[in-house]
Amino acid sequence: MTAVKGLGHVGIYVRDLERMVKFYRDLLGMRITKQNWRAGVVFLSADPASADHEIALFRGVWRRLTICASFIDDWSAKVCGSTRW
């Protein structure tokens, strides 16, 4: 079985962007690295010095999850996918 060695990012469409930003920022301690409230997008990182973002929040009603993952240690093999439900 192939194991995920790390995640590049997870993008989530949310109905209440402000509430979800508060959750990730205030409860989980992530930091906002980029934001455009007018466009409805906020990027957050647990460690901005090493990763631009791990979470991308998009204002919207679509129910979609986007994930980029690496299956080996050096990130030379990367898989990105998107699913809707």
PDB file of N, CA and C in Angstrom:
ATOM      1  N   MET A   1       0.841  -1.188   0.000  1.00  0.00           N
ATOM      2  CA  MET A   1       0.000   0.000   0.000  1.00  0.00           C
ATOM      3  C   MET A   1       0.882   1.245   0.000  1.00  0.00           C
ATOM      4  N   THR A   2       0.553   2.214  -0.832  1.00  0.00           N
ATOM      5  CA  THR A   2       1.273   3.480  -0.887  1.00  0.00           C
ATOM      6  C   THR A   2       0.753   4.412   0.198  1.00  0.00           C
ATOM      7  N   ALA A   3       1.655   5.004   0.919  1.00  0.00           N
ATOM      8  CA  ALA A   3       1.268   5.897   2.012  1.00  0.00           C
ATOM      9  C   ALA A   3       1.513   7.342   1.619  1.00  0.00           C
ATOM     10  N   VAL A   4       0.636   8.218   2.017  1.00  0.00           N
ATOM     11  CA  VAL A   4       0.810   9.649   1.796  1.00  0.00           C
ATOM     12  C   VAL A   4       1.890  10.141   2.747  1.00  0.00           C
ATOM     13  N   LYS A   5       2.896  10.800   2.198  1.00  0.00           N
ATOM     14  CA  LYS A   5       3.996  11.335   3.005  1.00  0.00           C
ATOM     15  C   LYS A   5       3.767  12.773   3.411  1.00  0.00           C
ATOM     16  N   GLY A   6       2.872  13.480   2.698  1.00  0.00           N
ATOM     17  CA  GLY A   6       2.587  14.862   3.035  1.00  0.00           C
ATOM     18  C   GLY A   6       1.491  15.421   2.161  1.00  0.00           C
ATOM     19  N   LEU A   7       0.874  16.483   2.610  1.00  0.00           N
ATOM     20  CA  LEU A   7      -0.164  17.151   1.839  1.00  0.00           C
ATOM     21  C   LEU A   7       0.345  18.511   1.384  1.00  0.00           C
ATOM     22  N   GLY A   8       0.046  18.850   0.141  1.00  0.00           N
ATOM     23  CA  GLY A   8       0.405  20.169  -0.363  1.00  0.00           C
ATOM     24  C   GLY A   8      -0.615  21.198   0.072  1.00  0.00           C
ATOM     25  N   HIS A   9      -1.860  20.898  -0.167  1.00  0.00           N
ATOM     26  CA  HIS A   9      -2.913  21.806   0.266  1.00  0.00           C
ATOM     27  C   HIS A   9      -4.263  21.118   0.162  1.00  0.00           C
ATOM     28  N   VAL A  10      -5.210  21.683   0.874  1.00  0.00           N
ATOM     29  CA  VAL A  10      -6.605  21.262   0.793  1.00  0.00           C
ATOM     30  C   VAL A  10      -7.422  22.516   0.528  1.00  0.00           C
ATOM     31  N   GLY A  11      -8.221  22.493  -0.517  1.00  0.00           N
ATOM     32  CA  GLY A  11      -9.092  23.620  -0.848  1.00  0.00           C
ATOM     33  C   GLY A  11     -10.535  23.255  -0.575  1.00  0.00           C
ATOM     34  N   ILE A  12     -11.235  24.113   0.142  1.00  0.00           N
ATOM     35  CA  ILE A  12     -12.611  23.819   0.550  1.00  0.00           C
ATOM     36  C   ILE A  12     -13.512  24.999   0.229  1.00  0.00           C
ATOM     37  N   TYR A  13     -14.618  24.729  -0.436  1.00  0.00           N
ATOM     38  CA  TYR A  13     -15.652  25.745  -0.651  1.00  0.00           C
ATOM     39  C   TYR A  13     -16.549  25.769   0.577  1.00  0.00           C
ATOM     40  N   VAL A  14     -16.798  26.952   1.115  1.00  0.00           N
ATOM     41  CA  VAL A  14     -17.573  27.092   2.346  1.00  0.00           C
ATOM     42  C   VAL A  14     -18.670  28.138   2.167  1.00  0.00           C
ATOM     43  N   ARG A  15     -19.744  27.966   2.875  1.00  0.00           N
ATOM     44  CA  ARG A  15     -20.841  28.934   2.812  1.00  0.00           C
ATOM     45  C   ARG A  15     -20.565  30.172   3.637  1.00  0.00           C
ATOM     46  N   ASP A  16     -19.932  29.997   4.791  1.00  0.00           N
ATOM     47  CA  ASP A  16     -19.657  31.106   5.702  1.00  0.00           C
ATOM     48  C   ASP A  16     -18.141  31.254   5.856  1.00  0.00           C
ATOM     49  N   LEU A  17     -17.539  32.031   4.966  1.00  0.00           N
ATOM     50  CA  LEU A  17     -16.083  32.182   4.943  1.00  0.00           C
ATOM     51  C   LEU A  17     -15.554  32.771   6.244  1.00  0.00           C
ATOM     52  N   GLU A  18     -16.211  33.785   6.757  1.00  0.00           N
ATOM     53  CA  GLU A  18     -15.741  34.429   7.982  1.00  0.00           C
ATOM     54  C   GLU A  18     -15.708  33.448   9.153  1.00  0.00           C
ATOM     55  N   ARG A  19     -16.734  32.650   9.272  1.00  0.00           N
ATOM     56  CA  ARG A  19     -16.814  31.678  10.371  1.00  0.00           C
ATOM     57  C   ARG A  19     -15.726  30.605  10.247  1.00  0.00           C
ATOM     58  N   MET A  20     -15.483  30.152   9.025  1.00  0.00           N
ATOM     59  CA  MET A  20     -14.467  29.118   8.827  1.00  0.00           C
ATOM     60  C   MET A  20     -13.054  29.671   9.032  1.00  0.00           C
ATOM     61  N   VAL A  21     -12.827  30.920   8.638  1.00  0.00           N
ATOM     62  CA  VAL A  21     -11.520  31.545   8.900  1.00  0.00           C
ATOM     63  C   VAL A  21     -11.302  31.635  10.406  1.00  0.00           C
ATOM     64  N   LYS A  22     -12.314  32.044  11.151  1.00  0.00           N
ATOM     65  CA  LYS A  22     -12.188  32.110  12.615  1.00  0.00           C
ATOM     66  C   LYS A  22     -11.855  30.746  13.205  1.00  0.00           C
ATOM     67  N   PHE A  23     -12.478  29.686  12.677  1.00  0.00           N
ATOM     68  CA  PHE A  23     -12.214  28.328  13.166  1.00  0.00           C
ATOM     69  C   PHE A  23     -10.747  27.956  12.969  1.00  0.00           C
ATOM     70  N   TYR A  24     -10.254  28.081  11.743  1.00  0.00           N
ATOM     71  CA  TYR A  24      -8.879  27.676  11.460  1.00  0.00           C
ATOM     72  C   TYR A  24      -7.858  28.604  12.103  1.00  0.00           C
ATOM     73  N   ARG A  25      -8.140  29.882  12.150  1.00  0.00           N
ATOM     74  CA  ARG A  25      -7.208  30.860  12.718  1.00  0.00           C
ATOM     75  C   ARG A  25      -7.243  30.844  14.246  1.00  0.00           C
ATOM     76  N   ASP A  26      -8.429  31.008  14.809  1.00  0.00           N
ATOM     77  CA  ASP A  26      -8.543  31.198  16.260  1.00  0.00           C
ATOM     78  C   ASP A  26      -8.513  29.896  17.054  1.00  0.00           C
ATOM     79  N   LEU A  27      -9.123  28.857  16.526  1.00  0.00           N
ATOM     80  CA  LEU A  27      -9.179  27.596  17.266  1.00  0.00           C
ATOM     81  C   LEU A  27      -7.963  26.714  16.979  1.00  0.00           C
ATOM     82  N   LEU A  28      -7.558  26.630  15.702  1.00  0.00           N
ATOM     83  CA  LEU A  28      -6.445  25.749  15.347  1.00  0.00           C
ATOM     84  C   LEU A  28      -5.100  26.469  15.278  1.00  0.00           C
ATOM     85  N   GLY A  29      -5.105  27.796  15.360  1.00  0.00           N
ATOM     86  CA  GLY A  29      -3.862  28.549  15.405  1.00  0.00           C
ATOM     87  C   GLY A  29      -3.165  28.759  14.075  1.00  0.00           C
ATOM     88  N   MET A  30      -3.873  28.536  12.967  1.00  0.00           N
ATOM     89  CA  MET A  30      -3.265  28.767  11.659  1.00  0.00           C
ATOM     90  C   MET A  30      -3.189  30.268  11.387  1.00  0.00           C
ATOM     91  N   ARG A  31      -2.307  30.660  10.460  1.00  0.00           N
ATOM     92  CA  ARG A  31      -2.140  32.069  10.134  1.00  0.00           C
ATOM     93  C   ARG A  31      -2.598  32.345   8.706  1.00  0.00           C
ATOM     94  N   ILE A  32      -3.224  33.486   8.527  1.00  0.00           N
ATOM     95  CA  ILE A  32      -3.635  33.900   7.190  1.00  0.00           C
ATOM     96  C   ILE A  32      -2.380  34.340   6.437  1.00  0.00           C
ATOM     97  N   THR A  33      -2.164  33.732   5.254  1.00  0.00           N
ATOM     98  CA  THR A  33      -1.001  34.098   4.446  1.00  0.00           C
ATOM     99  C   THR A  33      -1.390  34.984   3.265  1.00  0.00           C
ATOM    100  N   LYS A  34      -2.586  34.790   2.741  1.00  0.00           N
ATOM    101  CA  LYS A  34      -3.115  35.620   1.655  1.00  0.00           C
ATOM    102  C   LYS A  34      -4.615  35.701   1.841  1.00  0.00           C
ATOM    103  N   GLN A  35      -5.181  36.832   1.419  1.00  0.00           N
ATOM    104  CA  GLN A  35      -6.627  36.979   1.544  1.00  0.00           C
ATOM    105  C   GLN A  35      -7.150  37.969   0.524  1.00  0.00           C
ATOM    106  N   ASN A  36      -8.331  37.671   0.033  1.00  0.00           N
ATOM    107  CA  ASN A  36      -9.046  38.595  -0.835  1.00  0.00           C
ATOM    108  C   ASN A  36     -10.519  38.417  -0.494  1.00  0.00           C
ATOM    109  N   TRP A  37     -10.976  39.194   0.457  1.00  0.00           N
ATOM    110  CA  TRP A  37     -12.346  39.048   0.951  1.00  0.00           C
ATOM    111  C   TRP A  37     -13.362  39.376  -0.134  1.00  0.00           C
ATOM    112  N   ARG A  38     -13.029  40.308  -0.995  1.00  0.00           N
ATOM    113  CA  ARG A  38     -13.950  40.675  -2.072  1.00  0.00           C
ATOM    114  C   ARG A  38     -14.163  39.497  -3.029  1.00  0.00           C
ATOM    115  N   ALA A  39     -13.076  38.781  -3.347  1.00  0.00           N
ATOM    116  CA  ALA A  39     -13.164  37.608  -4.213  1.00  0.00           C
ATOM    117  C   ALA A  39     -13.638  36.374  -3.456  1.00  0.00           C
ATOM    118  N   GLY A  40     -13.550  36.424  -2.122  1.00  0.00           N
ATOM    119  CA  GLY A  40     -14.007  35.305  -1.302  1.00  0.00           C
ATOM    120  C   GLY A  40     -13.013  34.171  -1.195  1.00  0.00           C
ATOM    121  N   VAL A  41     -11.737  34.513  -0.971  1.00  0.00           N
ATOM    122  CA  VAL A  41     -10.712  33.474  -0.819  1.00  0.00           C
ATOM    123  C   VAL A  41      -9.729  33.873   0.275  1.00  0.00           C
ATOM    124  N   VAL A  42      -9.391  32.886   1.116  1.00  0.00           N
ATOM    125  CA  VAL A  42      -8.423  33.092   2.194  1.00  0.00           C
ATOM    126  C   VAL A  42      -7.530  31.852   2.254  1.00  0.00           C
ATOM    127  N   PHE A  43      -6.215  32.083   2.312  1.00  0.00           N
ATOM    128  CA  PHE A  43      -5.238  31.001   2.430  1.00  0.00           C
ATOM    129  C   PHE A  43      -4.650  31.025   3.830  1.00  0.00           C
ATOM    130  N   LEU A  44      -4.525  29.843   4.429  1.00  0.00           N
ATOM    131  CA  LEU A  44      -3.995  29.738   5.789  1.00  0.00           C
ATOM    132  C   LEU A  44      -2.884  28.701   5.852  1.00  0.00           C
ATOM    133  N   SER A  45      -1.931  28.945   6.754  1.00  0.00           N
ATOM    134  CA  SER A  45      -0.816  28.023   6.932  1.00  0.00           C
ATOM    135  C   SER A  45      -0.533  27.818   8.415  1.00  0.00           C
ATOM    136  N   ALA A  46      -0.150  26.609   8.753  1.00  0.00           N
ATOM    137  CA  ALA A  46       0.281  26.317  10.120  1.00  0.00           C
ATOM    138  C   ALA A  46       1.703  26.821  10.348  1.00  0.00           C
ATOM    139  N   ASP A  47       2.496  26.874   9.272  1.00  0.00           N
ATOM    140  CA  ASP A  47       3.881  27.335   9.353  1.00  0.00           C
ATOM    141  C   ASP A  47       4.209  28.117   8.088  1.00  0.00           C
ATOM    142  N   PRO A  48       3.878  29.412   8.039  1.00  0.00           N
ATOM    143  CA  PRO A  48       4.093  30.219   6.833  1.00  0.00           C
ATOM    144  C   PRO A  48       5.540  30.270   6.348  1.00  0.00           C
ATOM    145  N   ALA A  49       6.497  30.029   7.219  1.00  0.00           N
ATOM    146  CA  ALA A  49       7.902  30.043   6.803  1.00  0.00           C
ATOM    147  C   ALA A  49       8.239  28.856   5.899  1.00  0.00           C
ATOM    148  N   SER A  50       7.513  27.754   6.060  1.00  0.00           N
ATOM    149  CA  SER A  50       7.819  26.573   5.255  1.00  0.00           C
ATOM    150  C   SER A  50       6.753  26.248   4.202  1.00  0.00           C
ATOM    151  N   ALA A  51       5.537  26.765   4.372  1.00  0.00           N
ATOM    152  CA  ALA A  51       4.474  26.472   3.401  1.00  0.00           C
ATOM    153  C   ALA A  51       3.587  27.703   3.243  1.00  0.00           C
ATOM    154  N   ASP A  52       3.394  28.113   1.997  1.00  0.00           N
ATOM    155  CA  ASP A  52       2.538  29.268   1.723  1.00  0.00           C
ATOM    156  C   ASP A  52       1.136  29.051   2.282  1.00  0.00           C
ATOM    157  N   HIS A  53       0.609  27.867   2.074  1.00  0.00           N
ATOM    158  CA  HIS A  53      -0.684  27.532   2.663  1.00  0.00           C
ATOM    159  C   HIS A  53      -0.906  26.026   2.639  1.00  0.00           C
ATOM    160  N   GLU A  54      -1.644  25.551   3.608  1.00  0.00           N
ATOM    161  CA  GLU A  54      -2.127  24.172   3.620  1.00  0.00           C
ATOM    162  C   GLU A  54      -3.633  24.137   3.400  1.00  0.00           C
ATOM    163  N   ILE A  55      -4.303  25.212   3.780  1.00  0.00           N
ATOM    164  CA  ILE A  55      -5.759  25.309   3.638  1.00  0.00           C
ATOM    165  C   ILE A  55      -6.093  26.514   2.771  1.00  0.00           C
ATOM    166  N   ALA A  56      -6.931  26.297   1.769  1.00  0.00           N
ATOM    167  CA  ALA A  56      -7.470  27.383   0.951  1.00  0.00           C
ATOM    168  C   ALA A  56      -8.987  27.352   1.108  1.00  0.00           C
ATOM    169  N   LEU A  57      -9.546  28.426   1.619  1.00  0.00           N
ATOM    170  CA  LEU A  57     -10.992  28.519   1.805  1.00  0.00           C
ATOM    171  C   LEU A  57     -11.581  29.421   0.736  1.00  0.00           C
ATOM    172  N   PHE A  58     -12.627  28.942   0.061  1.00  0.00           N
ATOM    173  CA  PHE A  58     -13.296  29.684  -0.995  1.00  0.00           C
ATOM    174  C   PHE A  58     -14.765  29.865  -0.628  1.00  0.00           C
ATOM    175  N   ARG A  59     -15.246  31.097  -0.690  1.00  0.00           N
ATOM    176  CA  ARG A  59     -16.663  31.344  -0.430  1.00  0.00           C
ATOM    177  C   ARG A  59     -17.468  30.781  -1.595  1.00  0.00           C
ATOM    178  N   GLY A  60     -18.452  29.963  -1.274  1.00  0.00           N
ATOM    179  CA  GLY A  60     -19.284  29.404  -2.333  1.00  0.00           C
ATOM    180  C   GLY A  60     -20.196  28.328  -1.812  1.00  0.00           C
ATOM    181  N   VAL A  61     -21.140  27.953  -2.634  1.00  0.00           N
ATOM    182  CA  VAL A  61     -22.106  26.932  -2.224  1.00  0.00           C
ATOM    183  C   VAL A  61     -21.758  25.565  -2.788  1.00  0.00           C
ATOM    184  N   TRP A  62     -20.744  25.504  -3.664  1.00  0.00           N
ATOM    185  CA  TRP A  62     -20.356  24.212  -4.199  1.00  0.00           C
ATOM    186  C   TRP A  62     -19.756  23.383  -3.098  1.00  0.00           C
ATOM    187  N   ARG A  63     -20.028  22.127  -3.143  1.00  0.00           N
ATOM    188  CA  ARG A  63     -19.450  21.222  -2.162  1.00  0.00           C
ATOM    189  C   ARG A  63     -18.323  20.489  -2.864  1.00  0.00           C
ATOM    190  N   ARG A  64     -17.127  20.998  -2.679  1.00  0.00           N
ATOM    191  CA  ARG A  64     -15.977  20.447  -3.387  1.00  0.00           C
ATOM    192  C   ARG A  64     -14.784  20.388  -2.447  1.00  0.00           C
ATOM    193  N   LEU A  65     -14.009  19.350  -2.618  1.00  0.00           N
ATOM    194  CA  LEU A  65     -12.774  19.187  -1.857  1.00  0.00           C
ATOM    195  C   LEU A  65     -11.647  18.957  -2.854  1.00  0.00           C
ATOM    196  N   THR A  66     -10.580  19.716  -2.757  1.00  0.00           N
ATOM    197  CA  THR A  66      -9.422  19.570  -3.635  1.00  0.00           C
ATOM    198  C   THR A  66      -8.216  19.269  -2.762  1.00  0.00           C
ATOM    199  N   ILE A  67      -7.475  18.245  -3.131  1.00  0.00           N
ATOM    200  CA  ILE A  67      -6.321  17.824  -2.334  1.00  0.00           C
ATOM    201  C   ILE A  67      -5.131  17.592  -3.252  1.00  0.00           C
ATOM    202  N   CYS A  68      -3.956  18.050  -2.850  1.00  0.00           N
ATOM    203  CA  CYS A  68      -2.697  17.680  -3.496  1.00  0.00           C
ATOM    204  C   CYS A  68      -1.886  16.903  -2.480  1.00  0.00           C
ATOM    205  N   ALA A  69      -1.416  15.734  -2.855  1.00  0.00           N
ATOM    206  CA  ALA A  69      -0.666  14.890  -1.932  1.00  0.00           C
ATOM    207  C   ALA A  69       0.573  14.328  -2.605  1.00  0.00           C
ATOM    208  N   SER A  70       1.596  14.080  -1.803  1.00  0.00           N
ATOM    209  CA  SER A  70       2.819  13.452  -2.284  1.00  0.00           C
ATOM    210  C   SER A  70       2.879  12.031  -1.750  1.00  0.00           C
ATOM    211  N   PHE A  71       3.305  11.109  -2.590  1.00  0.00           N
ATOM    212  CA  PHE A  71       3.381   9.718  -2.164  1.00  0.00           C
ATOM    213  C   PHE A  71       4.810   9.244  -1.922  1.00  0.00           C
ATOM    214  N   ILE A  72       5.777  10.146  -2.110  1.00  0.00           N
ATOM    215  CA  ILE A  72       7.159   9.810  -1.788  1.00  0.00           C
ATOM    216  C   ILE A  72       7.794  11.000  -1.087  1.00  0.00           C
ATOM    217  N   ASP A  73       8.923  10.766  -0.466  1.00  0.00           N
ATOM    218  CA  ASP A  73       9.526  11.782   0.382  1.00  0.00           C
ATOM    219  C   ASP A  73       9.984  13.036  -0.349  1.00  0.00           C
ATOM    220  N   ASP A  74      10.428  12.946  -1.601  1.00  0.00           N
ATOM    221  CA  ASP A  74      11.009  14.116  -2.252  1.00  0.00           C
ATOM    222  C   ASP A  74      10.019  14.918  -3.100  1.00  0.00           C
ATOM    223  N   TRP A  75       8.760  14.632  -3.033  1.00  0.00           N
ATOM    224  CA  TRP A  75       7.697  15.359  -3.729  1.00  0.00           C
ATOM    225  C   TRP A  75       7.792  15.279  -5.250  1.00  0.00           C
ATOM    226  N   SER A  76       8.611  14.354  -5.788  1.00  0.00           N
ATOM    227  CA  SER A  76       8.704  14.274  -7.248  1.00  0.00           C
ATOM    228  C   SER A  76       7.481  13.581  -7.846  1.00  0.00           C
ATOM    229  N   ALA A  77       6.768  12.844  -7.043  1.00  0.00           N
ATOM    230  CA  ALA A  77       5.519  12.246  -7.514  1.00  0.00           C
ATOM    231  C   ALA A  77       4.375  12.882  -6.748  1.00  0.00           C
ATOM    232  N   LYS A  78       3.596  13.660  -7.437  1.00  0.00           N
ATOM    233  CA  LYS A  78       2.505  14.387  -6.787  1.00  0.00           C
ATOM    234  C   LYS A  78       1.193  14.037  -7.464  1.00  0.00           C
ATOM    235  N   VAL A  79       0.162  13.882  -6.670  1.00  0.00           N
ATOM    236  CA  VAL A  79      -1.171  13.587  -7.191  1.00  0.00           C
ATOM    237  C   VAL A  79      -2.097  14.676  -6.709  1.00  0.00           C
ATOM    238  N   CYS A  80      -2.852  15.251  -7.618  1.00  0.00           N
ATOM    239  CA  CYS A  80      -3.846  16.252  -7.266  1.00  0.00           C
ATOM    240  C   CYS A  80      -5.191  15.759  -7.752  1.00  0.00           C
ATOM    241  N   GLY A  81      -6.197  15.964  -6.952  1.00  0.00           N
ATOM    242  CA  GLY A  81      -7.515  15.537  -7.354  1.00  0.00           C
ATOM    243  C   GLY A  81      -8.572  16.455  -6.799  1.00  0.00           C
ATOM    244  N   SER A  82      -9.729  16.378  -7.400  1.00  0.00           N
ATOM    245  CA  SER A  82     -10.856  17.186  -6.976  1.00  0.00           C
ATOM    246  C   SER A  82     -12.087  16.325  -7.057  1.00  0.00           C
ATOM    247  N   THR A  83     -12.933  16.435  -6.070  1.00  0.00           N
ATOM    248  CA  THR A  83     -14.161  15.658  -6.075  1.00  0.00           C
ATOM    249  C   THR A  83     -15.329  16.543  -5.670  1.00  0.00           C
ATOM    250  N   ARG A  84     -16.471  16.234  -6.214  1.00  0.00           N
ATOM    251  CA  ARG A  84     -17.709  16.952  -5.854  1.00  0.00           C
ATOM    252  C   ARG A  84     -18.724  15.923  -5.384  1.00  0.00           C
ATOM    253  N   TRP A  85     -19.575  16.350  -4.499  1.00  0.00           N
ATOM    254  CA  TRP A  85     -20.663  15.477  -4.051  1.00  0.00           C
ATOM    255  C   TRP A  85     -21.877  16.287  -3.747  1.00  0.00           C
TER     256      TRP A  85
END
